[in-house]
Amino acid sequence: MTAITIAGALKRFGSGVAVDDVSLDIAEGEFVALLGPSGCGKTTLLRLIAGFETLSAGSICFGDRLVAGEGAHVPPEKRKVAIVFQSYALWPHMTVAENVGYALRVRGLGKAERRIKIGEALSAVELSGFEARRPADLSGGQRQRVALARCLAMDPAVILLDEPLANLDVHLRASMEETFRAFHERTGATMVYVTHDQAEAMAMADRIAVMEKGRILQVADPATLYDRPTSEGVARFVGNGRVVDCVILGPAGGDQSRVQLFGAESLVRASIGAQASGSGRLALKPERLAIGESGFAARVRKAVFKGSHTLYEIEPEAAPGLLLPLPSNERLAIGEVVRVSVRGGWLLPAGAGAAPLAEAA
């Protein structure tokens, strides 16, 4: 296990900045996800950690060892890093055992020692007995497990994963999420996982770093990130949230504040020391809205059946043109006017920023 310390990392490609003054501390054995839309810089940051890209400024340390920084660049093969790619990167002409043991053979390990390590690695990903098969004989999930076993056999200090589930179907992805969790628990390795899929990040990571335009907006555990975003970018990107204007009427005790939203008064959550009055910005998750007898008036504009519920889009009568998602088991007609109550919105800290997540160069 190895801790990773990234300090002021900057990466330029020509006149464009892909990673912009990023600092991040990853503890030994921690599973951290880099989350954001395409082009936000997350894969470039991963490649900087791996050593595939050189820093334009800043530094990266593995424990007390400087691997990238002013006057230093340790090549990937000397960083003791293993990488799992989206494309599996398996040799098609090699058997499973040969793929898993290839790096060990290159290192010069003897046949007997290689056999032991290959067997242990395949057992860890539940592929014992698959040694003689070739990648073409495996499912997508099995191929990804072979890639994991190859990492494990190398006994790496750090494991980097670049959108490894992107090519799998939805059912297989759910199964592989459990495989990754079990893999992390079994090995205790330090893992950095790149994804644009927030459900993946929430399901597996100890902490998530949300990125936008080459910068990290917030780093937190999944529950905190979902319930208490510190910026509008995070509030919008995580959990299909919406950010709306409100009027802060005053504190209501504990972590609650009274606000006026679309002409109706609501109780919402707020951080300690939050703004006491005046105009504010409120983060709303779909499940925080509910049809009721009280609340603001809204008109149903769209309905999509989701099986366990129907996802409606509602338009507050006090805010024409604004559409909010609202899941419900009730049957509502398009054009129907309903009352909507707010159950636990999050009042964003003052100065949280208004720019939504967008792609970076």
Foldseek 3Di string as FASTA:
>chain_A
DWKKWWAQFWDDDVPFTLAGGETDTFDQLFEEEEAEDPQLNQVVVLCCQQQVDATPATWMATHPRTCHHVPHHPHNVPQLEAEQEQVLPADQVAFLLCRLQVVVVVVPDDPVLSVVLLQVLCVLLVNPPRRGHGPVVDDLLVSSSSSSSSSSSSVGQEYEYEANCPPDDPVSSVVVLVSVQSSSVVNSHRYYYYDNDVVSRLSHGQWYFYGFQNYTLDIDHNVCLQQPPQAPQSLCSPQNKDKDKWWWPFADDDQWTWIQDLNRIAIAGEDPPADGTGMFIWIAHQAQKDFDDAAFKWFWADWDDDPVWIWTWIGGPSHPPDTDIHTDRDDDDHGDITHMGGHYIYTHGPPRDDDYGDRYD
